[in-house]
């Protein structure tokens, strides 16, 4: 999906979206160990397991941006090909870019997710003109639904997955 990775850091009014670095390891562990963060994405993971398994430089792969505020990681954004085996697609061959994000609870409620996701979507639209971006979230996750609508995602369908009703939407510039 990405020919050249990582892109140059993306700067917004308050944030920097960049490639992962070794200094982000503790924040990645905190993110995946957080019960609040894990509430709608399959649950949190035990901190001791994460301490053993998270690599020195976590998340260094195409499609993953670390979101940084004042020099520290507060979250992450992913743009990954949507698995063809999962329900929810907007084109027959599947593989659409799927937006995902996780932010530390202390960063919630300040508009950082909206700012960072909008920047990532803008970057993607510039590098992949005309390509759709999709997003899915549990309908019970009201904050994520509000953000999806604020970002300009339009509902395509709802379906059952992971034991919960899912909202599936598409974004087009």
N, C-alpha and C. Protein backbone atom coordinates (compact mmCIF):
# COMPACT_ATOMS: atom_id res chain seq x y z
N UNK A 1 0.82 -1.19 0.00
CA UNK A 1 0.00 0.00 0.00
C UNK A 1 0.86 1.26 0.00
N UNK A 2 2.03 1.19 0.66
CA UNK A 2 2.91 2.36 0.73
C UNK A 2 4.23 2.04 0.08
N UNK A 3 4.57 2.79 -0.96
CA UNK A 3 5.81 2.55 -1.67
C UNK A 3 7.00 3.05 -0.86
N UNK A 4 6.91 4.25 -0.35
CA UNK A 4 8.01 4.83 0.42
C UNK A 4 7.51 5.10 1.84
N UNK A 5 8.17 4.47 2.79
CA UNK A 5 7.80 4.67 4.18
C UNK A 5 9.06 4.79 5.00
N UNK A 6 9.15 5.63 5.95
CA UNK A 6 8.11 6.54 6.42
C UNK A 6 8.11 7.84 5.63
N UNK A 7 6.97 8.52 5.64
CA UNK A 7 6.95 9.86 5.05
C UNK A 7 7.64 10.83 6.01
N UNK A 8 7.89 12.02 5.54
CA UNK A 8 8.40 13.06 6.44
C UNK A 8 7.36 13.27 7.54
N UNK A 9 7.79 13.66 8.74
CA UNK A 9 6.81 13.93 9.79
C UNK A 9 5.74 14.91 9.33
N UNK A 10 4.51 14.66 9.76
CA UNK A 10 3.38 15.51 9.44
C UNK A 10 3.11 16.38 10.66
N UNK A 11 3.13 17.69 10.47
CA UNK A 11 2.92 18.61 11.58
C UNK A 11 1.55 19.26 11.47
N UNK A 12 0.85 19.28 12.60
CA UNK A 12 -0.42 19.99 12.68
C UNK A 12 -0.21 21.16 13.64
N UNK A 13 -1.27 21.83 14.00
CA UNK A 13 -1.15 22.96 14.91
C UNK A 13 -0.50 22.55 16.24
N UNK A 14 -0.87 21.35 16.76
CA UNK A 14 -0.38 20.93 18.07
C UNK A 14 0.42 19.65 18.07
N UNK A 15 0.36 18.89 16.99
CA UNK A 15 0.86 17.52 17.00
C UNK A 15 1.88 17.26 15.91
N UNK A 16 2.61 16.15 16.08
CA UNK A 16 3.50 15.64 15.04
C UNK A 16 3.14 14.18 14.83
N UNK A 17 2.92 13.79 13.58
CA UNK A 17 2.71 12.37 13.22
C UNK A 17 4.02 11.91 12.60
N UNK A 18 4.60 10.86 13.17
CA UNK A 18 5.93 10.44 12.75
C UNK A 18 6.09 8.93 12.89
N UNK A 19 7.23 8.46 12.43
CA UNK A 19 7.60 7.06 12.58
C UNK A 19 7.90 6.78 14.06
N UNK A 20 7.69 5.53 14.46
CA UNK A 20 7.97 5.11 15.83
C UNK A 20 9.48 5.15 16.10
N UNK A 21 9.81 5.36 17.38
CA UNK A 21 11.20 5.38 17.83
C UNK A 21 11.29 4.61 19.15
N UNK A 22 12.50 4.27 19.55
CA UNK A 22 12.71 3.51 20.79
C UNK A 22 12.11 4.25 22.00
N UNK A 23 12.12 5.57 21.99
CA UNK A 23 11.60 6.35 23.13
C UNK A 23 10.09 6.18 23.32
N UNK A 24 9.40 5.57 22.34
CA UNK A 24 7.95 5.38 22.41
C UNK A 24 7.55 4.07 23.09
N UNK A 25 8.51 3.21 23.41
CA UNK A 25 8.18 1.87 23.91
C UNK A 25 7.29 1.91 25.15
N UNK A 26 7.61 2.74 26.13
CA UNK A 26 6.81 2.81 27.36
C UNK A 26 5.38 3.25 27.06
N UNK A 27 5.20 4.18 26.14
CA UNK A 27 3.85 4.65 25.79
C UNK A 27 3.07 3.56 25.07
N UNK A 28 3.73 2.78 24.21
CA UNK A 28 3.05 1.66 23.55
C UNK A 28 2.56 0.66 24.60
N UNK A 29 3.41 0.35 25.56
CA UNK A 29 3.02 -0.59 26.62
C UNK A 29 1.85 -0.03 27.41
N UNK A 30 1.92 1.23 27.78
CA UNK A 30 0.82 1.87 28.51
C UNK A 30 -0.48 1.83 27.70
N UNK A 31 -0.38 2.08 26.41
CA UNK A 31 -1.55 2.09 25.53
C UNK A 31 -2.22 0.71 25.50
N UNK A 32 -1.44 -0.33 25.27
CA UNK A 32 -2.01 -1.68 25.12
C UNK A 32 -2.40 -2.31 26.46
N UNK A 33 -1.86 -1.79 27.57
CA UNK A 33 -2.21 -2.31 28.89
C UNK A 33 -3.42 -1.59 29.49
N UNK A 34 -3.84 -0.49 28.89
CA UNK A 34 -4.91 0.32 29.45
C UNK A 34 -6.29 -0.32 29.27
N UNK A 35 -7.01 -0.58 30.37
CA UNK A 35 -8.37 -1.11 30.25
C UNK A 35 -9.31 -0.16 29.52
N UNK A 36 -9.12 1.17 29.69
CA UNK A 36 -9.98 2.14 29.00
C UNK A 36 -9.76 2.08 27.49
N UNK A 37 -8.50 2.01 27.07
CA UNK A 37 -8.17 1.94 25.64
C UNK A 37 -8.70 0.63 25.06
N UNK A 38 -8.57 -0.45 25.80
CA UNK A 38 -8.96 -1.76 25.30
C UNK A 38 -10.44 -2.07 25.33
N UNK A 39 -11.24 -1.16 25.89
CA UNK A 39 -12.66 -1.43 26.11
C UNK A 39 -13.41 -1.87 24.85
N UNK A 40 -13.09 -1.27 23.70
CA UNK A 40 -13.84 -1.58 22.47
C UNK A 40 -12.97 -2.29 21.42
N UNK A 41 -11.78 -2.69 21.80
CA UNK A 41 -10.88 -3.34 20.84
C UNK A 41 -10.34 -4.67 21.36
N UNK A 42 -11.18 -5.39 22.06
CA UNK A 42 -10.78 -6.72 22.50
C UNK A 42 -10.12 -6.81 23.85
N UNK A 43 -10.05 -5.71 24.57
CA UNK A 43 -9.51 -5.73 25.92
C UNK A 43 -8.04 -5.35 25.98
N UNK A 44 -7.59 -5.11 27.20
CA UNK A 44 -6.19 -4.75 27.42
C UNK A 44 -5.36 -6.02 27.54
N UNK A 45 -4.05 -5.85 27.49
CA UNK A 45 -3.12 -6.98 27.66
C UNK A 45 -2.34 -6.79 28.95
N UNK A 46 -1.94 -7.88 29.58
CA UNK A 46 -1.17 -7.76 30.83
C UNK A 46 0.15 -7.01 30.61
N UNK A 47 0.42 -6.07 31.50
CA UNK A 47 1.63 -5.24 31.38
C UNK A 47 2.90 -6.09 31.36
N UNK A 48 2.98 -7.13 32.21
CA UNK A 48 4.20 -7.94 32.25
C UNK A 48 4.42 -8.68 30.92
N UNK A 49 3.33 -9.11 30.30
CA UNK A 49 3.44 -9.76 28.98
C UNK A 49 3.94 -8.75 27.94
N UNK A 50 3.43 -7.53 28.00
CA UNK A 50 3.85 -6.50 27.07
C UNK A 50 5.32 -6.14 27.28
N UNK A 51 5.74 -6.05 28.53
CA UNK A 51 7.15 -5.73 28.84
C UNK A 51 8.09 -6.75 28.18
N UNK A 52 7.64 -8.01 28.13
CA UNK A 52 8.46 -9.07 27.52
C UNK A 52 8.38 -9.07 26.00
N UNK A 53 7.22 -8.70 25.44
CA UNK A 53 7.00 -8.92 24.01
C UNK A 53 7.13 -7.69 23.11
N UNK A 54 6.97 -6.51 23.66
CA UNK A 54 7.05 -5.31 22.82
C UNK A 54 8.52 -5.07 22.45
N UNK A 55 8.81 -4.95 21.15
CA UNK A 55 10.21 -4.77 20.72
C UNK A 55 10.77 -3.42 21.16
N UNK A 56 12.08 -3.29 21.06
CA UNK A 56 12.76 -2.06 21.46
C UNK A 56 12.20 -0.85 20.71
N UNK A 57 11.93 -1.04 19.42
CA UNK A 57 11.29 0.01 18.62
C UNK A 57 9.94 -0.55 18.16
N UNK A 58 8.89 -0.29 18.94
CA UNK A 58 7.58 -0.85 18.61
C UNK A 58 6.91 -0.12 17.46
N UNK A 59 6.08 -0.84 16.72
CA UNK A 59 5.25 -0.20 15.72
C UNK A 59 5.97 0.36 14.52
N UNK A 60 7.19 -0.05 14.27
CA UNK A 60 7.91 0.47 13.10
C UNK A 60 7.52 -0.36 11.89
N UNK A 61 6.51 0.13 11.20
CA UNK A 61 6.02 -0.57 10.01
C UNK A 61 5.25 0.41 9.13
N UNK A 62 5.14 0.12 7.85
CA UNK A 62 4.37 1.00 6.98
C UNK A 62 2.92 1.12 7.45
N UNK A 63 2.42 2.33 7.43
CA UNK A 63 1.03 2.59 7.79
C UNK A 63 0.81 2.99 9.23
N UNK A 64 1.84 2.94 10.08
CA UNK A 64 1.67 3.30 11.48
C UNK A 64 2.36 4.62 11.78
N UNK A 65 1.58 5.58 12.27
CA UNK A 65 2.11 6.86 12.73
C UNK A 65 2.02 6.93 14.24
N UNK A 66 3.08 7.38 14.87
CA UNK A 66 3.02 7.76 16.28
C UNK A 66 2.50 9.20 16.30
N UNK A 67 1.61 9.48 17.24
CA UNK A 67 1.12 10.85 17.42
C UNK A 67 1.82 11.42 18.64
N UNK A 68 2.52 12.52 18.42
CA UNK A 68 3.35 13.13 19.46
C UNK A 68 2.81 14.51 19.83
N UNK A 69 2.80 14.77 21.12
CA UNK A 69 2.43 16.09 21.66
C UNK A 69 3.57 16.53 22.57
N UNK A 70 4.14 17.69 22.31
CA UNK A 70 5.23 18.23 23.14
C UNK A 70 6.34 17.20 23.36
N UNK A 71 6.70 16.48 22.31
CA UNK A 71 7.83 15.55 22.37
C UNK A 71 7.52 14.17 22.92
N UNK A 72 6.28 13.89 23.30
CA UNK A 72 5.93 12.59 23.87
C UNK A 72 4.78 11.95 23.10
N UNK A 73 4.84 10.64 22.96
CA UNK A 73 3.77 9.90 22.28
C UNK A 73 2.50 9.93 23.12
N UNK A 74 1.37 10.27 22.45
CA UNK A 74 0.07 10.24 23.13
C UNK A 74 -0.88 9.25 22.46
N UNK A 75 -0.46 8.71 21.32
CA UNK A 75 -1.32 7.77 20.61
C UNK A 75 -0.69 7.32 19.32
N UNK A 76 -1.50 6.58 18.55
CA UNK A 76 -1.03 6.07 17.27
C UNK A 76 -2.19 6.03 16.29
N UNK A 77 -1.84 6.14 15.01
CA UNK A 77 -2.81 6.03 13.93
C UNK A 77 -2.29 5.00 12.96
N UNK A 78 -3.20 4.16 12.46
CA UNK A 78 -2.81 3.19 11.44
C UNK A 78 -3.67 3.38 10.20
N UNK A 79 -3.06 3.14 9.08
CA UNK A 79 -3.74 3.04 7.79
C UNK A 79 -3.27 1.72 7.20
N UNK A 80 -4.10 0.71 7.31
CA UNK A 80 -3.75 -0.65 6.87
C UNK A 80 -4.76 -1.16 5.86
N UNK A 81 -4.35 -2.07 4.98
CA UNK A 81 -5.32 -2.68 4.07
C UNK A 81 -6.35 -3.48 4.88
N UNK A 82 -7.63 -3.29 4.60
CA UNK A 82 -8.67 -4.04 5.31
C UNK A 82 -8.66 -5.47 4.83
N UNK A 83 -8.66 -6.39 5.78
CA UNK A 83 -8.63 -7.82 5.50
C UNK A 83 -9.86 -8.23 4.69
N UNK A 84 -9.63 -8.89 3.58
CA UNK A 84 -10.73 -9.32 2.69
C UNK A 84 -11.68 -10.29 3.37
N UNK A 85 -11.21 -11.00 4.40
CA UNK A 85 -12.04 -11.99 5.11
C UNK A 85 -13.05 -11.34 6.05
N UNK A 86 -12.81 -10.09 6.41
CA UNK A 86 -13.71 -9.41 7.34
C UNK A 86 -14.92 -8.87 6.59
N UNK A 87 -16.05 -8.73 7.27
CA UNK A 87 -17.20 -8.08 6.63
C UNK A 87 -16.91 -6.60 6.44
N UNK A 88 -17.65 -5.97 5.55
CA UNK A 88 -17.51 -4.53 5.35
C UNK A 88 -16.45 -4.17 4.32
N UNK A 89 -16.90 -3.85 3.13
CA UNK A 89 -16.01 -3.39 2.06
C UNK A 89 -16.78 -2.45 1.14
N UNK A 90 -16.04 -1.58 0.44
CA UNK A 90 -16.68 -0.67 -0.50
C UNK A 90 -16.26 -0.95 -1.93
N UNK A 91 -15.39 -1.92 -2.11
CA UNK A 91 -15.06 -2.34 -3.47
C UNK A 91 -14.91 -3.85 -3.50
N UNK A 92 -15.22 -4.46 -4.62
CA UNK A 92 -15.27 -5.92 -4.69
C UNK A 92 -13.96 -6.63 -4.35
N UNK A 93 -12.84 -6.05 -4.71
CA UNK A 93 -11.55 -6.71 -4.44
C UNK A 93 -11.05 -6.48 -3.02
N UNK A 94 -11.76 -5.67 -2.24
CA UNK A 94 -11.41 -5.37 -0.84
C UNK A 94 -10.05 -4.66 -0.78
N UNK A 95 -9.38 -4.76 0.36
CA UNK A 95 -8.07 -4.16 0.53
C UNK A 95 -8.06 -2.64 0.68
N UNK A 96 -9.21 -2.04 0.95
CA UNK A 96 -9.27 -0.59 1.17
C UNK A 96 -8.38 -0.22 2.35
N UNK A 97 -7.91 1.01 2.36
CA UNK A 97 -7.17 1.49 3.52
C UNK A 97 -8.16 1.66 4.67
N UNK A 98 -7.80 1.12 5.82
CA UNK A 98 -8.66 1.23 7.00
C UNK A 98 -7.97 2.09 8.04
N UNK A 99 -8.66 3.14 8.47
CA UNK A 99 -8.13 4.02 9.50
C UNK A 99 -8.39 3.41 10.87
N UNK A 100 -7.36 3.36 11.67
CA UNK A 100 -7.47 2.92 13.06
C UNK A 100 -6.69 3.90 13.94
N UNK A 101 -7.07 3.99 15.19
CA UNK A 101 -6.35 4.89 16.09
C UNK A 101 -6.56 4.44 17.53
N UNK A 102 -5.56 4.70 18.35
CA UNK A 102 -5.62 4.48 19.80
C UNK A 102 -4.90 5.65 20.45
N UNK A 103 -5.51 6.22 21.48
CA UNK A 103 -4.89 7.32 22.22
C UNK A 103 -4.91 7.00 23.70
N UNK A 104 -3.89 7.46 24.40
CA UNK A 104 -3.84 7.29 25.85
C UNK A 104 -5.01 8.07 26.48
N UNK A 105 -5.63 7.52 27.52
CA UNK A 105 -6.78 8.20 28.13
C UNK A 105 -6.51 9.64 28.54
N UNK A 106 -5.30 9.95 28.97
CA UNK A 106 -5.00 11.33 29.38
C UNK A 106 -5.09 12.31 28.20
N UNK A 107 -5.07 11.79 26.96
CA UNK A 107 -5.16 12.65 25.77
C UNK A 107 -6.59 12.75 25.24
N UNK A 108 -7.53 12.06 25.87
CA UNK A 108 -8.92 12.07 25.39
C UNK A 108 -9.57 13.40 25.70
N UNK A 109 -10.50 13.80 24.85
CA UNK A 109 -11.33 14.97 25.12
C UNK A 109 -10.72 16.31 24.75
N UNK A 110 -9.56 16.31 24.11
CA UNK A 110 -8.90 17.56 23.74
C UNK A 110 -8.85 17.78 22.23
N UNK A 111 -9.49 16.89 21.47
CA UNK A 111 -9.50 17.04 20.03
C UNK A 111 -8.26 16.52 19.32
N UNK A 112 -7.36 15.86 20.07
CA UNK A 112 -6.13 15.37 19.44
C UNK A 112 -6.42 14.28 18.41
N UNK A 113 -7.34 13.37 18.71
CA UNK A 113 -7.64 12.29 17.75
C UNK A 113 -8.19 12.88 16.46
N UNK A 114 -9.10 13.85 16.56
CA UNK A 114 -9.66 14.47 15.35
C UNK A 114 -8.57 15.17 14.55
N UNK A 115 -7.71 15.90 15.23
CA UNK A 115 -6.63 16.64 14.56
C UNK A 115 -5.65 15.68 13.88
N UNK A 116 -5.27 14.63 14.58
CA UNK A 116 -4.30 13.69 14.03
C UNK A 116 -4.90 12.86 12.90
N UNK A 117 -6.13 12.38 13.08
CA UNK A 117 -6.77 11.58 12.03
C UNK A 117 -7.01 12.41 10.77
N UNK A 118 -7.42 13.66 10.94
CA UNK A 118 -7.63 14.54 9.78
C UNK A 118 -6.31 14.74 9.03
N UNK A 119 -5.21 14.89 9.75
CA UNK A 119 -3.91 15.06 9.11
C UNK A 119 -3.50 13.79 8.37
N UNK A 120 -3.72 12.63 8.99
CA UNK A 120 -3.37 11.36 8.34
C UNK A 120 -4.23 11.14 7.09
N UNK A 121 -5.51 11.46 7.19
CA UNK A 121 -6.40 11.32 6.02
C UNK A 121 -5.99 12.27 4.90
N UNK A 122 -5.62 13.48 5.25
CA UNK A 122 -5.17 14.44 4.25
C UNK A 122 -3.90 13.97 3.56
N UNK A 123 -2.96 13.44 4.35
CA UNK A 123 -1.73 12.89 3.78
C UNK A 123 -2.06 11.74 2.84
N UNK A 124 -2.93 10.83 3.28
CA UNK A 124 -3.28 9.67 2.46
C UNK A 124 -3.94 10.10 1.16
N UNK A 125 -4.86 11.05 1.23
CA UNK A 125 -5.54 11.53 0.03
C UNK A 125 -4.54 12.15 -0.95
N UNK A 126 -3.51 12.79 -0.43
CA UNK A 126 -2.49 13.38 -1.29
C UNK A 126 -1.58 12.37 -1.94
N UNK A 127 -1.33 11.26 -1.26
CA UNK A 127 -0.43 10.24 -1.80
C UNK A 127 -1.17 9.13 -2.54
N UNK A 128 -2.47 8.99 -2.30
CA UNK A 128 -3.29 7.95 -2.93
C UNK A 128 -4.61 8.57 -3.41
N UNK A 129 -4.53 9.49 -4.37
CA UNK A 129 -5.75 10.20 -4.79
C UNK A 129 -6.85 9.23 -5.26
N UNK A 130 -8.05 9.49 -4.79
CA UNK A 130 -9.21 8.70 -5.21
C UNK A 130 -9.38 7.38 -4.50
N UNK A 131 -8.41 6.97 -3.67
CA UNK A 131 -8.53 5.70 -2.95
C UNK A 131 -9.45 5.88 -1.74
N UNK A 132 -10.39 4.94 -1.54
CA UNK A 132 -11.28 5.06 -0.38
C UNK A 132 -10.56 4.72 0.92
N UNK A 133 -11.04 5.30 1.99
CA UNK A 133 -10.58 4.95 3.34
C UNK A 133 -11.82 4.53 4.11
N UNK A 134 -11.72 3.41 4.83
CA UNK A 134 -12.85 2.91 5.60
C UNK A 134 -12.50 2.92 7.09
N UNK A 135 -13.53 2.80 7.90
CA UNK A 135 -13.37 2.77 9.35
C UNK A 135 -14.49 1.91 9.91
N UNK A 136 -14.15 1.09 10.90
CA UNK A 136 -15.20 0.35 11.59
C UNK A 136 -15.00 0.52 13.09
N UNK A 137 -16.12 0.56 13.80
CA UNK A 137 -16.08 0.68 15.25
C UNK A 137 -17.36 0.07 15.82
N UNK A 138 -17.29 -0.33 17.06
CA UNK A 138 -18.50 -0.83 17.71
C UNK A 138 -19.50 0.32 17.82
N UNK A 139 -20.76 0.02 17.56
CA UNK A 139 -21.78 1.06 17.69
C UNK A 139 -21.88 1.55 19.14
N UNK A 140 -21.47 0.72 20.09
CA UNK A 140 -21.49 1.12 21.50
C UNK A 140 -20.42 2.17 21.82
N UNK A 141 -19.43 2.32 20.95
CA UNK A 141 -18.36 3.28 21.18
C UNK A 141 -18.78 4.65 20.64
N UNK A 142 -19.57 5.36 21.44
CA UNK A 142 -20.16 6.62 21.00
C UNK A 142 -19.13 7.68 20.64
N UNK A 143 -18.02 7.71 21.38
CA UNK A 143 -16.97 8.70 21.08
C UNK A 143 -16.39 8.45 19.69
N UNK A 144 -16.13 7.18 19.36
CA UNK A 144 -15.56 6.84 18.05
C UNK A 144 -16.55 7.14 16.93
N UNK A 145 -17.84 6.88 17.18
CA UNK A 145 -18.85 7.20 16.16
C UNK A 145 -18.92 8.70 15.90
N UNK A 146 -18.89 9.51 16.96
CA UNK A 146 -18.91 10.96 16.78
C UNK A 146 -17.69 11.43 15.99
N UNK A 147 -16.52 10.85 16.30
CA UNK A 147 -15.31 11.23 15.59
C UNK A 147 -15.40 10.83 14.11
N UNK A 148 -15.89 9.64 13.83
CA UNK A 148 -16.03 9.19 12.44
C UNK A 148 -16.88 10.17 11.64
N UNK A 149 -17.99 10.59 12.21
CA UNK A 149 -18.87 11.54 11.52
C UNK A 149 -18.20 12.91 11.37
N UNK A 150 -17.51 13.35 12.42
CA UNK A 150 -16.81 14.64 12.37
C UNK A 150 -15.74 14.64 11.28
N UNK A 151 -15.08 13.49 11.09
CA UNK A 151 -14.02 13.38 10.07
C UNK A 151 -14.59 13.28 8.65
N UNK A 152 -15.89 13.03 8.54
CA UNK A 152 -16.51 12.94 7.21
C UNK A 152 -16.76 11.53 6.72
N UNK A 153 -16.73 10.55 7.63
CA UNK A 153 -17.08 9.18 7.23
C UNK A 153 -18.59 9.07 7.11
N UNK A 154 -19.04 8.32 6.13
CA UNK A 154 -20.46 8.09 5.88
C UNK A 154 -20.76 6.62 6.12
N UNK A 155 -21.82 6.35 6.87
CA UNK A 155 -22.18 4.96 7.16
C UNK A 155 -22.52 4.21 5.88
N UNK A 156 -21.95 3.00 5.76
CA UNK A 156 -22.23 2.12 4.64
C UNK A 156 -23.11 0.96 5.11
N UNK A 157 -22.76 0.41 6.27
CA UNK A 157 -23.53 -0.72 6.80
C UNK A 157 -23.19 -0.95 8.26
N UNK A 158 -24.01 -1.84 8.86
CA UNK A 158 -23.75 -2.33 10.22
C UNK A 158 -23.77 -3.84 10.14
N UNK A 159 -22.97 -4.47 10.97
CA UNK A 159 -22.89 -5.93 10.97
C UNK A 159 -22.42 -6.39 12.34
N UNK A 160 -22.53 -7.66 12.56
CA UNK A 160 -22.11 -8.27 13.82
C UNK A 160 -20.70 -8.84 13.64
N UNK A 161 -19.78 -8.49 14.53
CA UNK A 161 -18.43 -9.04 14.53
C UNK A 161 -17.87 -8.92 15.93
N UNK A 162 -17.07 -9.88 16.34
CA UNK A 162 -16.48 -9.88 17.68
C UNK A 162 -17.55 -9.80 18.77
N UNK A 163 -18.73 -10.35 18.51
CA UNK A 163 -19.79 -10.37 19.50
C UNK A 163 -20.47 -9.04 19.75
N UNK A 164 -20.32 -8.10 18.83
CA UNK A 164 -20.94 -6.78 19.01
C UNK A 164 -21.32 -6.19 17.65
N UNK A 165 -22.30 -5.28 17.68
CA UNK A 165 -22.69 -4.60 16.45
C UNK A 165 -21.59 -3.61 16.05
N UNK A 166 -21.22 -3.63 14.79
CA UNK A 166 -20.17 -2.77 14.25
C UNK A 166 -20.77 -1.76 13.28
N UNK A 167 -20.22 -0.56 13.31
CA UNK A 167 -20.56 0.50 12.36
C UNK A 167 -19.42 0.54 11.36
N UNK A 168 -19.76 0.58 10.07
CA UNK A 168 -18.76 0.59 9.01
C UNK A 168 -19.03 1.78 8.10
N UNK A 169 -18.01 2.62 7.91
CA UNK A 169 -18.18 3.81 7.10
C UNK A 169 -17.04 4.01 6.12
N UNK A 170 -17.27 4.90 5.17
CA UNK A 170 -16.27 5.21 4.14
C UNK A 170 -16.03 6.72 4.13
N UNK A 171 -14.79 7.09 3.87
CA UNK A 171 -14.39 8.50 3.77
C UNK A 171 -13.94 8.75 2.35
N UNK A 172 -14.41 9.82 1.79
CA UNK A 172 -13.86 10.25 0.51
C UNK A 172 -13.69 11.75 0.59
N UNK A 173 -12.58 12.20 0.07
CA UNK A 173 -12.21 13.62 0.20
C UNK A 173 -13.24 14.51 -0.43
